[in-house]
Protein backbone atom coordinates (compact mmCIF):
# COMPACT_ATOMS: atom_id res chain seq x y z
CA UNK A 1 124.99 90.41 104.06
CA UNK A 2 123.26 93.45 102.58
CA UNK A 3 119.51 93.85 103.09
CA UNK A 4 117.66 93.15 99.83
CA UNK A 5 114.97 95.53 98.60
CA UNK A 6 112.52 94.93 95.76
CA UNK A 7 111.72 97.98 93.61
CA UNK A 8 108.44 97.67 91.68
CA UNK A 9 107.54 100.36 89.15
CA UNK A 10 106.38 100.36 85.53
CA UNK A 11 108.78 103.25 84.86
CA UNK A 12 112.30 101.98 84.13
CA UNK A 13 113.78 105.38 85.02
CA UNK A 14 112.14 105.37 88.46
CA UNK A 15 113.39 101.82 89.09
CA UNK A 16 116.88 102.97 88.07
CA UNK A 17 116.76 105.98 90.43
CA UNK A 18 115.53 103.86 93.35
CA UNK A 19 118.12 101.16 92.63
CA UNK A 20 120.94 103.71 92.36
CA UNK A 21 119.97 105.37 95.65
CA UNK A 22 119.68 102.06 97.50
CA UNK A 23 122.80 100.41 96.08
CA UNK A 24 124.89 103.54 96.72
CA UNK A 25 123.81 103.25 100.37
CA UNK A 26 124.88 99.59 100.51
CA UNK A 27 121.58 97.77 99.94
CA UNK A 28 121.09 94.96 97.44
CA UNK A 29 118.19 95.38 95.00
CA UNK A 30 115.97 93.42 92.66
CA UNK A 31 113.47 94.95 90.25
CA UNK A 32 110.05 94.22 88.80
CA UNK A 33 108.08 96.24 86.23
CA UNK A 34 104.64 95.54 87.71
CA UNK A 35 102.86 93.72 90.52
CA UNK A 36 102.49 90.48 88.59
CA UNK A 37 106.22 90.30 87.90
CA UNK A 38 106.93 91.19 91.55
CA UNK A 39 104.79 88.32 92.84
CA UNK A 40 106.55 85.87 90.52
CA UNK A 41 109.93 87.14 91.72
CA UNK A 42 108.96 86.81 95.38
CA UNK A 43 108.31 83.07 94.90
CA UNK A 44 112.05 82.54 94.40
CA UNK A 45 113.69 85.61 95.94
CA UNK A 46 113.43 86.54 99.62
CA UNK A 47 113.53 90.31 100.23
CA UNK A 48 113.75 92.46 103.36
CA UNK A 49 111.60 95.30 102.01
CA UNK A 50 109.43 96.28 99.04
CA UNK A 51 109.14 99.75 97.46
CA UNK A 52 106.26 99.80 94.99
CA UNK A 53 104.44 102.21 92.71
CA UNK A 54 100.66 102.48 93.03
CA UNK A 55 99.52 102.86 89.42
CA UNK A 56 100.88 100.01 87.28
CA UNK A 57 99.52 97.74 84.53
CA UNK A 58 98.61 94.09 85.19
CA UNK A 59 98.56 94.40 89.01
CA UNK A 60 98.56 97.73 90.82
CA UNK A 61 100.35 98.54 94.08
CA UNK A 62 97.31 98.08 96.34
CA UNK A 63 96.53 94.63 94.91
CA UNK A 64 100.21 93.70 95.08
CA UNK A 65 100.33 94.62 98.77
CA UNK A 66 97.19 92.59 99.52
CA UNK A 67 98.62 89.53 97.76
CA UNK A 68 102.06 89.92 99.37
CA UNK A 69 100.48 90.22 102.82
CA UNK A 70 98.66 86.92 102.18
CA UNK A 71 102.03 85.15 101.82
CA UNK A 72 103.27 83.94 105.25
CA UNK A 73 106.94 84.69 104.46
CA UNK A 74 106.13 88.34 103.67
CA UNK A 75 103.46 89.06 106.29
CA UNK A 76 105.75 91.47 108.20
CA UNK A 77 108.07 92.70 105.43
CA UNK A 78 107.93 96.52 105.21
CA UNK A 79 106.17 97.75 102.07
CA UNK A 80 106.41 101.41 101.05
CA UNK A 81 104.31 102.96 98.29
CA UNK A 82 106.29 105.36 96.10
CA UNK A 83 103.72 107.21 94.02
CA UNK A 84 102.54 110.52 92.57
CA UNK A 85 99.26 110.07 94.48
CA UNK A 86 98.99 112.08 97.69
CA UNK A 87 95.27 112.07 98.53
CA UNK A 88 94.37 110.97 102.05
CA UNK A 89 91.83 108.49 100.65
CA UNK A 90 94.56 106.74 98.63
CA UNK A 91 96.87 106.69 101.67
CA UNK A 92 94.08 105.16 103.75
CA UNK A 93 93.50 102.54 101.04
CA UNK A 94 97.21 101.72 101.03
CA UNK A 95 97.34 101.45 104.82
CA UNK A 96 94.24 99.22 104.86
CA UNK A 97 95.91 96.94 102.30
CA UNK A 98 98.97 96.62 104.54
CA UNK A 99 101.37 99.35 103.39
CA UNK A 100 103.96 100.35 105.99
CA UNK A 101 104.70 103.79 104.52
CA UNK A 102 104.11 106.26 101.71
CA UNK A 103 106.52 108.46 99.73
CA UNK A 104 105.25 110.95 97.15
CA UNK A 105 107.07 111.30 93.80
CA UNK A 106 109.13 113.11 92.87
CA UNK A 107 111.24 111.85 95.77
CA UNK A 108 114.76 112.73 96.77
CA UNK A 109 117.42 110.17 97.61
CA UNK A 110 117.79 111.31 101.25
CA UNK A 111 114.05 110.99 101.86
CA UNK A 112 113.97 107.45 100.46
CA UNK A 113 117.05 106.38 102.43
CA UNK A 114 115.67 107.87 105.66
CA UNK A 115 112.50 105.78 105.30
CA UNK A 116 114.46 102.63 104.43
CA UNK A 117 116.84 103.10 107.34
CA UNK A 118 113.93 103.71 109.74
CA UNK A 119 112.14 100.53 108.60
CA UNK A 120 115.15 98.23 108.26
CA UNK A 121 117.30 99.62 111.07
């Protein structure tokens, strides 16, 4: 059974690029356009990993991570922020919220897959 990864980003093109990279490498994917939609999806869909944008409407990546970490089933699921932000203060905020990793956009497919493989084995 393929590992399932949730891609959360308000940009449809970024979600498509992430999905293409992951599915080409043999992972299953589900998508959400913001943190609120992601939380609703997680109530019915177990995932092995989450890749989320930071800046999104309705519920941003940091708040999403905090709320996901409060759910017992997702306490230890790897969560990677995929964002244009690269400031150390933002990275520290992400880590404090419970992020496992950080990838700066624009990303390349190999970089994303290396992080996924490292976190999911």
